[in-house]
Amino acid sequence: MNPMKATFRLYLAVVLRAVVFFYLLGLLGNLIGALYIFGKDGVWYFQSDALFVALRFSLIYGFFTGSGLWIFAKMEEIKRRKKK
């Protein structure tokens, strides 16, 4: 199997996947917290504000995580090219 080249298209795909992953992770954490509070106090504490907060943090964390992964892939590609 040939390794993929670290192109700009791959960069966009990695960043987008990281943003979606962190968004879903944030929503899951908010849902688990709301379920815990509901079980303990009987009050459903899942607000729409949590959606925007999760989106904001997922954009930040997803961008930096995706960029870091792409940079490491680019470094590996350069190492492979130098070995040949």
Protein backbone atom coordinates (compact mmCIF):
# COMPACT_ATOMS: atom_id res chain seq x y z
CA MET A 1 0.00 0.00 0.00
CA ASN A 2 1.41 3.35 -1.02
CA PRO A 3 1.29 6.08 1.63
CA MET A 4 -0.78 9.17 0.85
CA LYS A 5 0.94 12.43 0.04
CA ALA A 6 0.38 15.26 2.49
CA THR A 7 -1.42 17.64 0.15
CA PHE A 8 -3.61 20.63 0.96
CA ARG A 9 -6.69 18.52 0.21
CA LEU A 10 -5.61 16.02 2.86
CA TYR A 11 -5.03 18.93 5.25
CA LEU A 12 -8.62 20.11 4.82
CA ALA A 13 -9.96 16.57 5.28
CA VAL A 14 -7.95 16.00 8.47
CA VAL A 15 -8.97 19.35 9.99
CA LEU A 16 -12.63 18.79 9.12
CA ARG A 17 -12.61 15.30 10.65
CA ALA A 18 -10.92 16.59 13.79
CA VAL A 19 -13.49 19.39 14.16
CA VAL A 20 -16.37 16.94 13.75
CA PHE A 21 -14.77 14.52 16.23
CA PHE A 22 -14.31 17.19 18.90
CA TYR A 23 -17.81 18.56 18.31
CA LEU A 24 -19.38 15.15 18.82
CA LEU A 25 -17.17 14.56 21.83
CA GLY A 26 -18.30 17.87 23.35
CA LEU A 27 -21.96 17.10 22.72
CA LEU A 28 -21.55 13.65 24.23
CA GLY A 29 -19.93 15.14 27.32
CA ASN A 30 -22.75 17.66 27.68
CA LEU A 31 -25.34 14.92 27.27
CA ILE A 32 -23.69 12.70 29.87
CA GLY A 33 -23.52 15.66 32.27
CA ALA A 34 -27.20 16.46 31.66
CA LEU A 35 -28.17 12.83 32.26
CA TYR A 36 -26.17 12.77 35.49
CA ILE A 37 -27.83 15.94 36.76
CA PHE A 38 -31.23 14.60 35.70
CA GLY A 39 -30.65 11.38 37.64
CA LYS A 40 -29.42 13.24 40.71
CA ASP A 41 -31.73 16.28 40.88
CA GLY A 42 -34.51 15.48 38.40
CA VAL A 43 -33.79 18.62 36.35
CA TRP A 44 -32.92 18.39 32.65
CA TYR A 45 -29.94 20.73 32.25
CA PHE A 46 -29.08 20.56 28.55
CA GLN A 47 -29.27 24.03 27.04
CA SER A 48 -28.92 25.18 23.45
CA ASP A 49 -25.97 27.32 24.54
CA ALA A 50 -24.00 24.10 24.96
CA LEU A 51 -24.22 23.50 21.20
CA PHE A 52 -22.49 26.79 20.41
CA VAL A 53 -19.87 26.38 23.11
CA ALA A 54 -19.07 22.89 21.82
CA LEU A 55 -18.82 24.25 18.27
CA ARG A 56 -16.48 27.05 19.32
CA PHE A 57 -14.12 24.73 21.18
CA SER A 58 -14.28 22.04 18.49
CA LEU A 59 -13.21 24.59 15.87
CA ILE A 60 -10.23 25.62 17.98
CA TYR A 61 -9.13 22.14 19.05
CA GLY A 62 -9.93 20.58 15.68
CA PHE A 63 -7.91 23.17 13.78
CA PHE A 64 -4.80 22.77 15.92
CA THR A 65 -5.05 18.97 16.16
CA GLY A 66 -5.65 18.58 12.43
CA SER A 67 -2.82 20.98 11.62
CA GLY A 68 -0.45 19.11 13.91
CA LEU A 69 -1.35 15.75 12.38
CA TRP A 70 -0.85 17.12 8.89
CA ILE A 71 2.54 18.61 9.82
CA PHE A 72 3.69 15.25 11.18
CA ALA A 73 2.50 13.54 7.99
CA LYS A 74 4.39 16.10 5.90
CA MET A 75 7.56 15.51 7.96
CA GLU A 76 7.23 11.74 7.42
CA GLU A 77 6.78 12.29 3.70
CA ILE A 78 9.96 14.39 3.56
CA LYS A 79 11.88 11.70 5.51
CA ARG A 80 10.72 9.03 3.07
CA ARG A 81 11.76 11.17 0.11
CA LYS A 82 15.24 11.73 1.58
CA LYS A 83 15.75 7.99 2.15
CA LYS A 84 15.24 7.20 -1.53
